[in-house]
PDB file of N, CA and C in Angstrom:
ATOM      1  N   LEU A   1     117.792 184.733 167.629  1.00  0.00           N
ATOM      2  CA  LEU A   1     117.382 183.563 168.414  1.00  0.00           C
ATOM      3  C   LEU A   1     115.871 183.573 168.626  1.00  0.00           C
ATOM      4  N   GLY A   2     115.271 182.441 168.524  1.00  0.00           N
ATOM      5  CA  GLY A   2     113.839 182.338 168.709  1.00  0.00           C
ATOM      6  C   GLY A   2     113.494 182.221 170.152  1.00  0.00           C
ATOM      7  N   THR A   3     112.235 182.449 170.462  1.00  0.00           N
ATOM      8  CA  THR A   3     111.746 182.324 171.823  1.00  0.00           C
ATOM      9  C   THR A   3     110.952 181.031 171.910  1.00  0.00           C
ATOM     10  N   THR A   4     111.200 180.254 172.943  1.00  0.00           N
ATOM     11  CA  THR A   4     110.469 178.991 173.139  1.00  0.00           C
ATOM     12  C   THR A   4     109.227 179.283 173.976  1.00  0.00           C
ATOM     13  N   LEU A   5     108.096 178.951 173.441  1.00  0.00           N
ATOM     14  CA  LEU A   5     106.844 179.091 174.171  1.00  0.00           C
ATOM     15  C   LEU A   5     106.490 177.766 174.799  1.00  0.00           C
ATOM     16  N   LEU A   6     106.304 177.768 176.095  1.00  0.00           N
ATOM     17  CA  LEU A   6     105.900 176.539 176.770  1.00  0.00           C
ATOM     18  C   LEU A   6     104.378 176.454 176.761  1.00  0.00           C
ATOM     19  N   GLY A   7     103.904 175.508 176.041  1.00  0.00           N
ATOM     20  CA  GLY A   7     102.449 175.271 176.015  1.00  0.00           C
ATOM     21  C   GLY A   7     102.155 173.912 176.569  1.00  0.00           C
ATOM     22  N   HIS A   8     100.880 173.595 176.604  1.00  0.00           N
ATOM     23  CA  HIS A   8     100.487 172.268 177.060  1.00  0.00           C
ATOM     24  C   HIS A   8     100.904 171.235 176.021  1.00  0.00           C
ATOM     25  N   MET A   9     101.238 170.064 176.527  1.00  0.00           N
ATOM     26  CA  MET A   9     101.564 168.974 175.594  1.00  0.00           C
ATOM     27  C   MET A   9     100.316 168.554 174.836  1.00  0.00           C
ATOM     28  N   THR A  10     100.490 168.071 173.638  1.00  0.00           N
ATOM     29  CA  THR A  10      99.378 167.534 172.851  1.00  0.00           C
ATOM     30  C   THR A  10      99.778 166.239 172.208  1.00  0.00           C
ATOM     31  N   LEU A  11      98.785 165.423 171.873  1.00  0.00           N
ATOM     32  CA  LEU A  11      99.024 164.148 171.184  1.00  0.00           C
ATOM     33  C   LEU A  11      99.318 164.458 169.700  1.00  0.00           C
ATOM     34  N   LYS A  12     100.512 163.996 169.232  1.00  0.00           N
ATOM     35  CA  LYS A  12     100.914 164.251 167.854  1.00  0.00           C
ATOM     36  C   LYS A  12     100.440 163.120 166.960  1.00  0.00           C
ATOM     37  N   SER A  13     100.659 161.855 167.405  1.00  0.00           N
ATOM     38  CA  SER A  13     100.285 160.699 166.583  1.00  0.00           C
ATOM     39  C   SER A  13     100.182 159.514 167.478  1.00  0.00           C
ATOM     40  N   ALA A  14      99.629 158.439 166.912  1.00  0.00           N
ATOM     41  CA  ALA A  14      99.433 157.245 167.726  1.00  0.00           C
ATOM     42  C   ALA A  14      99.480 155.996 166.837  1.00  0.00           C
ATOM     43  N   VAL A  15      99.835 154.872 167.441  1.00  0.00           N
ATOM     44  CA  VAL A  15      99.786 153.552 166.807  1.00  0.00           C
ATOM     45  C   VAL A  15      99.074 152.628 167.757  1.00  0.00           C
ATOM     46  N   PRO A  16      97.914 152.048 167.367  1.00  0.00           N
ATOM     47  CA  PRO A  16      97.191 152.243 166.122  1.00  0.00           C
ATOM     48  C   PRO A  16      96.735 153.709 165.956  1.00  0.00           C
ATOM     49  N   ALA A  17      96.561 154.116 164.707  1.00  0.00           N
ATOM     50  CA  ALA A  17      96.231 155.494 164.413  1.00  0.00           C
ATOM     51  C   ALA A  17      94.792 155.832 164.788  1.00  0.00           C
ATOM     52  N   ALA A  18      94.600 157.069 165.172  1.00  0.00           N
ATOM     53  CA  ALA A  18      93.257 157.570 165.484  1.00  0.00           C
ATOM     54  C   ALA A  18      92.380 157.463 164.234  1.00  0.00           C
ATOM     55  N   ASP A  19      91.162 156.963 164.424  1.00  0.00           N
ATOM     56  CA  ASP A  19      90.170 156.793 163.389  1.00  0.00           C
ATOM     57  C   ASP A  19      90.605 155.792 162.301  1.00  0.00           C
ATOM     58  N   GLY A  20      91.642 155.014 162.610  1.00  0.00           N
ATOM     59  CA  GLY A  20      92.102 154.013 161.650  1.00  0.00           C
ATOM     60  C   GLY A  20      91.464 152.642 161.848  1.00  0.00           C
ATOM     61  N   THR A  21      91.667 151.768 160.866  1.00  0.00           N
ATOM     62  CA  THR A  21      91.213 150.403 160.965  1.00  0.00           C
ATOM     63  C   THR A  21      92.421 149.487 160.851  1.00  0.00           C
ATOM     64  N   ILE A  22      92.545 148.548 161.804  1.00  0.00           N
ATOM     65  CA  ILE A  22      93.647 147.594 161.762  1.00  0.00           C
ATOM     66  C   ILE A  22      93.058 146.200 161.539  1.00  0.00           C
ATOM     67  N   THR A  23      93.858 145.250 161.043  1.00  0.00           N
ATOM     68  CA  THR A  23      93.366 143.914 160.713  1.00  0.00           C
ATOM     69  C   THR A  23      93.879 142.852 161.654  1.00  0.00           C
ATOM     70  N   ALA A  24      94.632 143.259 162.662  1.00  0.00           N
ATOM     71  CA  ALA A  24      95.124 142.312 163.683  1.00  0.00           C
ATOM     72  C   ALA A  24      95.265 143.089 165.015  1.00  0.00           C
ATOM     73  N   PRO A  25      95.074 142.419 166.125  1.00  0.00           N
ATOM     74  CA  PRO A  25      95.222 143.099 167.418  1.00  0.00           C
ATOM     75  C   PRO A  25      96.628 143.693 167.561  1.00  0.00           C
ATOM     76  N   PRO A  26      96.751 144.918 168.015  1.00  0.00           N
ATOM     77  CA  PRO A  26      98.058 145.545 168.153  1.00  0.00           C
ATOM     78  C   PRO A  26      98.825 144.959 169.330  1.00  0.00           C
ATOM     79  N   PRO A  27     100.144 144.765 169.201  1.00  0.00           N
ATOM     80  CA  PRO A  27     100.934 144.269 170.328  1.00  0.00           C
ATOM     81  C   PRO A  27     101.104 145.324 171.422  1.00  0.00           C
ATOM     82  N   SER A  28     100.973 146.602 170.997  1.00  0.00           N
ATOM     83  CA  SER A  28     101.186 147.709 171.956  1.00  0.00           C
ATOM     84  C   SER A  28     100.401 148.935 171.509  1.00  0.00           C
ATOM     85  N   LEU A  29     100.256 149.868 172.432  1.00  0.00           N
ATOM     86  CA  LEU A  29      99.782 151.230 172.114  1.00  0.00           C
ATOM     87  C   LEU A  29     101.003 152.112 172.211  1.00  0.00           C
ATOM     88  N   GLN A  30     101.165 152.980 171.221  1.00  0.00           N
ATOM     89  CA  GLN A  30     102.303 153.953 171.220  1.00  0.00           C
ATOM     90  C   GLN A  30     101.736 155.326 170.902  1.00  0.00           C
ATOM     91  N   LEU A  31     101.756 156.210 171.888  1.00  0.00           N
ATOM     92  CA  LEU A  31     101.243 157.555 171.685  1.00  0.00           C
ATOM     93  C   LEU A  31     102.410 158.540 171.729  1.00  0.00           C
ATOM     94  N   THR A  32     102.560 159.316 170.672  1.00  0.00           N
ATOM     95  CA  THR A  32     103.634 160.290 170.562  1.00  0.00           C
ATOM     96  C   THR A  32     103.098 161.706 170.896  1.00  0.00           C
ATOM     97  N   PHE A  33     103.776 162.361 171.824  1.00  0.00           N
ATOM     98  CA  PHE A  33     103.334 163.675 172.266  1.00  0.00           C
ATOM     99  C   PHE A  33     104.315 164.761 171.837  1.00  0.00           C
ATOM    100  N   THR A  34     103.930 166.002 171.977  1.00  0.00           N
ATOM    101  CA  THR A  34     104.768 167.127 171.626  1.00  0.00           C
ATOM    102  C   THR A  34     105.827 167.411 172.672  1.00  0.00           C
ATOM    103  N   GLN A  35     105.662 166.856 173.890  1.00  0.00           N
ATOM    104  CA  GLN A  35     106.634 166.967 174.957  1.00  0.00           C
ATOM    105  C   GLN A  35     106.806 165.621 175.631  1.00  0.00           C
ATOM    106  N   GLU A  36     107.875 165.461 176.407  1.00  0.00           N
ATOM    107  CA  GLU A  36     108.086 164.181 177.080  1.00  0.00           C
ATOM    108  C   GLU A  36     107.009 163.985 178.146  1.00  0.00           C
ATOM    109  N   PRO A  37     106.269 162.845 178.075  1.00  0.00           N
ATOM    110  CA  PRO A  37     105.236 162.526 179.071  1.00  0.00           C
ATOM    111  C   PRO A  37     105.852 162.287 180.452  1.00  0.00           C
ATOM    112  N   ASP A  38     105.164 162.780 181.475  1.00  0.00           N
ATOM    113  CA  ASP A  38     105.543 162.542 182.870  1.00  0.00           C
ATOM    114  C   ASP A  38     104.912 161.250 183.322  1.00  0.00           C
ATOM    115  N   LEU A  39     105.734 160.206 183.437  1.00  0.00           N
ATOM    116  CA  LEU A  39     105.259 158.888 183.732  1.00  0.00           C
ATOM    117  C   LEU A  39     104.501 158.825 185.055  1.00  0.00           C
ATOM    118  N   SER A  40     104.850 159.668 186.022  1.00  0.00           N
ATOM    119  CA  SER A  40     104.218 159.596 187.343  1.00  0.00           C
ATOM    120  C   SER A  40     102.731 159.967 187.292  1.00  0.00           C
ATOM    121  N   VAL A  41     102.300 160.673 186.255  1.00  0.00           N
ATOM    122  CA  VAL A  41     100.853 161.001 186.181  1.00  0.00           C
ATOM    123  C   VAL A  41     100.199 160.423 184.913  1.00  0.00           C
ATOM    124  N   SER A  42     100.974 159.640 184.170  1.00  0.00           N
ATOM    125  CA  SER A  42     100.468 159.088 182.906  1.00  0.00           C
ATOM    126  C   SER A  42      99.606 157.859 183.127  1.00  0.00           C
ATOM    127  N   LYS A  43      98.561 157.776 182.314  1.00  0.00           N
ATOM    128  CA  LYS A  43      97.659 156.608 182.312  1.00  0.00           C
ATOM    129  C   LYS A  43      97.212 156.349 180.902  1.00  0.00           C
ATOM    130  N   LEU A  44      97.065 155.065 180.573  1.00  0.00           N
ATOM    131  CA  LEU A  44      96.435 154.640 179.311  1.00  0.00           C
ATOM    132  C   LEU A  44      95.373 153.636 179.605  1.00  0.00           C
ATOM    133  N   ASP A  45      94.205 153.746 179.010  1.00  0.00           N
ATOM    134  CA  ASP A  45      93.135 152.786 179.137  1.00  0.00           C
ATOM    135  C   ASP A  45      92.663 152.432 177.748  1.00  0.00           C
ATOM    136  N   LEU A  46      92.343 151.161 177.543  1.00  0.00           N
ATOM    137  CA  LEU A  46      91.819 150.680 176.254  1.00  0.00           C
ATOM    138  C   LEU A  46      90.516 149.964 176.515  1.00  0.00           C
ATOM    139  N   THR A  47      89.440 150.437 175.902  1.00  0.00           N
ATOM    140  CA  THR A  47      88.127 149.841 176.069  1.00  0.00           C
ATOM    141  C   THR A  47      87.556 149.437 174.731  1.00  0.00           C
ATOM    142  N   GLY A  48      86.958 148.250 174.666  1.00  0.00           N
ATOM    143  CA  GLY A  48      86.411 147.778 173.414  1.00  0.00           C
ATOM    144  C   GLY A  48      85.034 147.164 173.594  1.00  0.00           C
ATOM    145  N   PRO A  49      84.562 146.368 172.627  1.00  0.00           N
ATOM    146  CA  PRO A  49      83.203 145.818 172.662  1.00  0.00           C
ATOM    147  C   PRO A  49      82.966 144.906 173.866  1.00  0.00           C
ATOM    148  N   SER A  50      84.005 144.289 174.395  1.00  0.00           N
ATOM    149  CA  SER A  50      83.821 143.401 175.541  1.00  0.00           C
ATOM    150  C   SER A  50      84.323 144.005 176.847  1.00  0.00           C
ATOM    151  N   GLY A  51      84.500 145.352 176.835  1.00  0.00           N
ATOM    152  CA  GLY A  51      84.961 145.998 178.060  1.00  0.00           C
ATOM    153  C   GLY A  51      86.429 146.396 177.995  1.00  0.00           C
ATOM    154  N   GLY A  52      87.020 146.513 179.177  1.00  0.00           N
ATOM    155  CA  GLY A  52      88.388 146.933 179.261  1.00  0.00           C
ATOM    156  C   GLY A  52      89.389 145.885 178.766  1.00  0.00           C
ATOM    157  N   VAL A  53      90.451 146.317 178.132  1.00  0.00           N
ATOM    158  CA  VAL A  53      91.522 145.437 177.686  1.00  0.00           C
ATOM    159  C   VAL A  53      92.742 145.714 178.558  1.00  0.00           C
ATOM    160  N   THR A  54      93.382 144.604 179.011  1.00  0.00           N
ATOM    161  CA  THR A  54      94.539 144.751 179.898  1.00  0.00           C
ATOM    162  C   THR A  54      95.692 145.386 179.189  1.00  0.00           C
ATOM    163  N   LEU A  55      96.307 146.382 179.820  1.00  0.00           N
ATOM    164  CA  LEU A  55      97.534 147.006 179.336  1.00  0.00           C
ATOM    165  C   LEU A  55      98.649 146.799 180.390  1.00  0.00           C
ATOM    166  N   ASN A  56      99.825 146.475 179.935  1.00  0.00           N
ATOM    167  CA  ASN A  56     100.947 146.190 180.826  1.00  0.00           C
ATOM    168  C   ASN A  56     102.151 147.037 180.482  1.00  0.00           C
ATOM    169  N   ASN A  57     103.027 147.224 181.500  1.00  0.00           N
ATOM    170  CA  ASN A  57     104.353 147.797 181.256  1.00  0.00           C
ATOM    171  C   ASN A  57     104.267 149.197 180.650  1.00  0.00           C
ATOM    172  N   LEU A  58     103.494 150.074 181.259  1.00  0.00           N
ATOM    173  CA  LEU A  58     103.450 151.473 180.789  1.00  0.00           C
ATOM    174  C   LEU A  58     104.812 152.151 181.003  1.00  0.00           C
ATOM    175  N   HIS A  59     105.378 152.701 179.932  1.00  0.00           N
ATOM    176  CA  HIS A  59     106.676 153.350 180.061  1.00  0.00           C
ATOM    177  C   HIS A  59     106.836 154.418 178.999  1.00  0.00           C
ATOM    178  N   VAL A  60     107.848 155.300 179.210  1.00  0.00           N
ATOM    179  CA  VAL A  60     108.158 156.346 178.248  1.00  0.00           C
ATOM    180  C   VAL A  60     109.392 155.933 177.426  1.00  0.00           C
ATOM    181  N   MET A  61     109.247 156.036 176.118  1.00  0.00           N
ATOM    182  CA  MET A  61     110.378 155.699 175.204  1.00  0.00           C
ATOM    183  C   MET A  61     110.956 157.010 174.653  1.00  0.00           C
ATOM    184  N   GLU A  62     111.966 156.861 173.809  1.00  0.00           N
ATOM    185  CA  GLU A  62     112.556 158.014 173.168  1.00  0.00           C
ATOM    186  C   GLU A  62     111.547 158.764 172.309  1.00  0.00           C
ATOM    187  N   ASN A  63     111.838 160.005 172.008  1.00  0.00           N
ATOM    188  CA  ASN A  63     111.002 160.825 171.121  1.00  0.00           C
ATOM    189  C   ASN A  63     109.581 161.047 171.634  1.00  0.00           C
ATOM    190  N   ASN A  64     109.458 161.172 172.990  1.00  0.00           N
ATOM    191  CA  ASN A  64     108.166 161.562 173.624  1.00  0.00           C
ATOM    192  C   ASN A  64     107.045 160.544 173.415  1.00  0.00           C
ATOM    193  N   VAL A  65     107.400 159.234 173.381  1.00  0.00           N
ATOM    194  CA  VAL A  65     106.447 158.182 173.166  1.00  0.00           C
ATOM    195  C   VAL A  65     106.056 157.536 174.500  1.00  0.00           C
ATOM    196  N   LEU A  66     104.749 157.496 174.757  1.00  0.00           N
ATOM    197  CA  LEU A  66     104.202 156.769 175.880  1.00  0.00           C
ATOM    198  C   LEU A  66     103.707 155.448 175.354  1.00  0.00           C
ATOM    199  N   MET A  67     104.157 154.323 175.931  1.00  0.00           N
ATOM    200  CA  MET A  67     103.872 153.015 175.347  1.00  0.00           C
ATOM    201  C   MET A  67     103.400 152.069 176.413  1.00  0.00           C
ATOM    202  N   ALA A  68     102.438 151.177 176.056  1.00  0.00           N
ATOM    203  CA  ALA A  68     101.988 150.099 176.929  1.00  0.00           C
ATOM    204  C   ALA A  68     101.769 148.879 176.067  1.00  0.00           C
ATOM    205  N   MET A  69     102.099 147.700 176.626  1.00  0.00           N
ATOM    206  CA  MET A  69     101.880 146.438 175.923  1.00  0.00           C
ATOM    207  C   MET A  69     100.402 146.042 176.113  1.00  0.00           C
ATOM    208  N   VAL A  70      99.818 145.535 175.037  1.00  0.00           N
ATOM    209  CA  VAL A  70      98.431 145.071 175.077  1.00  0.00           C
ATOM    210  C   VAL A  70      98.402 143.579 175.427  1.00  0.00           C
ATOM    211  N   GLY A  71      97.635 143.257 176.452  1.00  0.00           N
ATOM    212  CA  GLY A  71      97.467 141.869 176.846  1.00  0.00           C
ATOM    213  C   GLY A  71      95.972 141.518 176.883  1.00  0.00           C
ATOM    214  N   GLY A  72      95.630 140.299 176.595  1.00  0.00           N
ATOM    215  CA  GLY A  72      94.221 139.928 176.622  1.00  0.00           C
ATOM    216  C   GLY A  72      93.579 139.888 175.261  1.00  0.00           C
ATOM    217  N   GLN A  73      92.400 139.380 175.240  1.00  0.00           N
ATOM    218  CA  GLN A  73      91.667 139.152 173.986  1.00  0.00           C
ATOM    219  C   GLN A  73      91.069 140.462 173.438  1.00  0.00           C
ATOM    220  N   MET A  74      91.062 140.588 172.133  1.00  0.00           N
ATOM    221  CA  MET A  74      90.448 141.759 171.497  1.00  0.00           C
ATOM    222  C   MET A  74      89.557 141.265 170.348  1.00  0.00           C
ATOM    223  N   PRO A  75      88.241 141.212 170.590  1.00  0.00           N
ATOM    224  CA  PRO A  75      87.331 140.876 169.495  1.00  0.00           C
ATOM    225  C   PRO A  75      87.222 142.038 168.511  1.00  0.00           C
ATOM    226  N   ASP A  76      86.756 141.753 167.308  1.00  0.00           N
ATOM    227  CA  ASP A  76      86.542 142.806 166.300  1.00  0.00           C
ATOM    228  C   ASP A  76      85.584 143.870 166.884  1.00  0.00           C
ATOM    229  N   GLY A  77      85.811 145.110 166.496  1.00  0.00           N
ATOM    230  CA  GLY A  77      84.922 146.198 166.898  1.00  0.00           C
ATOM    231  C   GLY A  77      85.677 147.488 167.101  1.00  0.00           C
ATOM    232  N   GLU A  78      84.973 148.488 167.639  1.00  0.00           N
ATOM    233  CA  GLU A  78      85.597 149.790 167.877  1.00  0.00           C
ATOM    234  C   GLU A  78      86.209 149.837 169.273  1.00  0.00           C
ATOM    235  N   TYR A  79      87.399 150.425 169.351  1.00  0.00           N
ATOM    236  CA  TYR A  79      88.118 150.548 170.594  1.00  0.00           C
ATOM    237  C   TYR A  79      88.384 152.060 170.888  1.00  0.00           C
ATOM    238  N   THR A  80      88.328 152.379 172.185  1.00  0.00           N
ATOM    239  CA  THR A  80      88.621 153.753 172.603  1.00  0.00           C
ATOM    240  C   THR A  80      89.889 153.725 173.462  1.00  0.00           C
ATOM    241  N   VAL A  81      90.858 154.561 173.101  1.00  0.00           N
ATOM    242  CA  VAL A  81      92.043 154.789 173.897  1.00  0.00           C
ATOM    243  C   VAL A  81      91.840 156.087 174.676  1.00  0.00           C
ATOM    244  N   ALA A  82      91.948 155.977 175.992  1.00  0.00           N
ATOM    245  CA  ALA A  82      91.893 157.177 176.860  1.00  0.00           C
ATOM    246  C   ALA A  82      93.272 157.369 177.451  1.00  0.00           C
ATOM    247  N   TRP A  83      93.803 158.607 177.339  1.00  0.00           N
ATOM    248  CA  TRP A  83      95.144 158.866 177.831  1.00  0.00           C
ATOM    249  C   TRP A  83      95.133 160.065 178.801  1.00  0.00           C
ATOM    250  N   GLN A  84      96.104 160.031 179.660  1.00  0.00           N
ATOM    251  CA  GLN A  84      96.341 161.149 180.562  1.00  0.00           C
ATOM    252  C   GLN A  84      97.834 161.279 180.771  1.00  0.00           C
ATOM    253  N   SER A  85      98.349 162.507 180.730  1.00  0.00           N
ATOM    254  CA  SER A  85      99.761 162.731 180.978  1.00  0.00           C
ATOM    255  C   SER A  85      99.964 164.217 181.216  1.00  0.00           C
ATOM    256  N   ALA A  86     101.215 164.564 181.514  1.00  0.00           N
ATOM    257  CA  ALA A  86     101.593 165.964 181.671  1.00  0.00           C
ATOM    258  C   ALA A  86     102.921 166.201 181.003  1.00  0.00           C
ATOM    259  N   GLY A  87     103.131 167.377 180.497  1.00  0.00           N
ATOM    260  CA  GLY A  87     104.390 167.700 179.847  1.00  0.00           C
ATOM    261  C   GLY A  87     105.227 168.652 180.701  1.00  0.00           C
ATOM    262  N   ASP A  88     105.963 169.495 179.994  1.00  0.00           N
ATOM    263  CA  ASP A  88     106.913 170.407 180.661  1.00  0.00           C
ATOM    264  C   ASP A  88     106.301 171.303 181.682  1.00  0.00           C
ATOM    265  N   ASP A  89     105.089 171.777 181.437  1.00  0.00           N
ATOM    266  CA  ASP A  89     104.482 172.749 182.364  1.00  0.00           C
ATOM    267  C   ASP A  89     103.765 172.084 183.573  1.00  0.00           C
ATOM    268  N   GLY A  90     103.738 170.754 183.566  1.00  0.00           N
ATOM    269  CA  GLY A  90     103.149 170.042 184.715  1.00  0.00           C
ATOM    270  C   GLY A  90     101.637 169.955 184.723  1.00  0.00           C
ATOM    271  N   HIS A  91     100.974 170.592 183.748  1.00  0.00           N
ATOM    272  CA  HIS A  91      99.510 170.529 183.694  1.00  0.00           C
ATOM    273  C   HIS A  91      99.051 169.214 183.094  1.00  0.00           C
ATOM    274  N   VAL A  92      98.193 168.502 183.805  1.00  0.00           N
ATOM    275  CA  VAL A  92      97.696 167.209 183.325  1.00  0.00           C
ATOM    276  C   VAL A  92      96.753 167.439 182.178  1.00  0.00           C
ATOM    277  N   GLN A  93      97.028 166.728 181.083  1.00  0.00           N
ATOM    278  CA  GLN A  93      96.176 166.749 179.888  1.00  0.00           C
ATOM    279  C   GLN A  93      95.512 165.400 179.705  1.00  0.00           C
ATOM    280  N   LYS A  94      94.307 165.397 179.146  1.00  0.00           N
ATOM    281  CA  LYS A  94      93.617 164.143 178.925  1.00  0.00           C
ATOM    282  C   LYS A  94      93.008 164.175 177.503  1.00  0.00           C
ATOM    283  N   GLY A  95      92.806 162.998 176.953  1.00  0.00           N
ATOM    284  CA  GLY A  95      92.207 162.889 175.637  1.00  0.00           C
ATOM    285  C   GLY A  95      91.786 161.475 175.323  1.00  0.00           C
ATOM    286  N   THR A  96      91.011 161.335 174.271  1.00  0.00           N
ATOM    287  CA  THR A  96      90.610 160.002 173.815  1.00  0.00           C
ATOM    288  C   THR A  96      90.648 159.987 172.299  1.00  0.00           C
ATOM    289  N   TYR A  97      90.770 158.791 171.752  1.00  0.00           N
ATOM    290  CA  TYR A  97      90.582 158.583 170.333  1.00  0.00           C
ATOM    291  C   TYR A  97      90.110 157.159 170.105  1.00  0.00           C
ATOM    292  N   THR A  98      89.617 156.860 168.927  1.00  0.00           N
ATOM    293  CA  THR A  98      89.091 155.536 168.644  1.00  0.00           C
ATOM    294  C   THR A  98      89.828 154.938 167.398  1.00  0.00           C
ATOM    295  N   PHE A  99      89.844 153.602 167.379  1.00  0.00           N
ATOM    296  CA  PHE A  99      90.243 152.856 166.177  1.00  0.00           C
ATOM    297  C   PHE A  99      89.390 151.640 166.104  1.00  0.00           C
ATOM    298  N   THR A 100      89.413 150.986 164.925  1.00  0.00           N
ATOM    299  CA  THR A 100      88.574 149.809 164.710  1.00  0.00           C
ATOM    300  C   THR A 100      89.447 148.596 164.405  1.00  0.00           C
ATOM    301  N   LEU A 101      89.123 147.482 165.023  1.00  0.00           N
ATOM    302  CA  LEU A 101      89.784 146.211 164.701  1.00  0.00           C
ATOM    303  C   LEU A 101      88.808 145.404 163.882  1.00  0.00           C
ATOM    304  N   LYS A 102      89.264 145.046 162.647  1.00  0.00           N
ATOM    305  CA  LYS A 102      88.402 144.247 161.736  1.00  0.00           C
ATOM    306  C   LYS A 102      89.351 143.281 161.040  1.00  0.00           C
ATOM    307  N   ARG A 103      89.342 142.051 161.526  1.00  0.00           N
ATOM    308  CA  ARG A 103      90.172 141.041 160.966  1.00  0.00           C
ATOM    309  C   ARG A 103      89.794 140.719 159.537  1.00  0.00           C
ATOM    310  N   ALA A 104      90.769 140.404 158.731  1.00  0.00           N
ATOM    311  CA  ALA A 104      90.491 140.036 157.319  1.00  0.00           C
ATOM    312  C   ALA A 104      89.717 138.742 157.289  1.00  0.00           C
ATOM    313  N   ALA A 105      88.827 138.624 156.309  1.00  0.00           N
ATOM    314  CA  ALA A 105      88.054 137.399 156.162  1.00  0.00           C
ATOM    315  C   ALA A 105      88.995 136.226 155.877  1.00  0.00           C
ATOM    316  N   GLN A 106      88.692 135.088 156.498  1.00  0.00           N
ATOM    317  CA  GLN A 106      89.517 133.931 156.323  1.00  0.00           C
ATOM    318  C   GLN A 106      89.145 133.196 155.042  1.00  0.00           C
TER     319      GLN A 106
END
């Protein structure tokens, strides 16, 4: 039998992807962690060229996904996602990543 080591939760993947470029505003942010996020301490912030973008309905989904719906206008440019949450050990973890919104030429 193996031994389970309890470590801090980490961000495994995200939609939109870190350092990625998307061609349309995302309907939601979905961050997948190595442990189930504790909603009571979880936060997501999205900041872009025109300032903060409204996020609604922050919740935890299956498979350790923290999700929020994106509301409001998103002009083309670079966006920063800032996250905060805690996993099994209760230690609050924080991180950021960026992605770029560049609509296809009409």
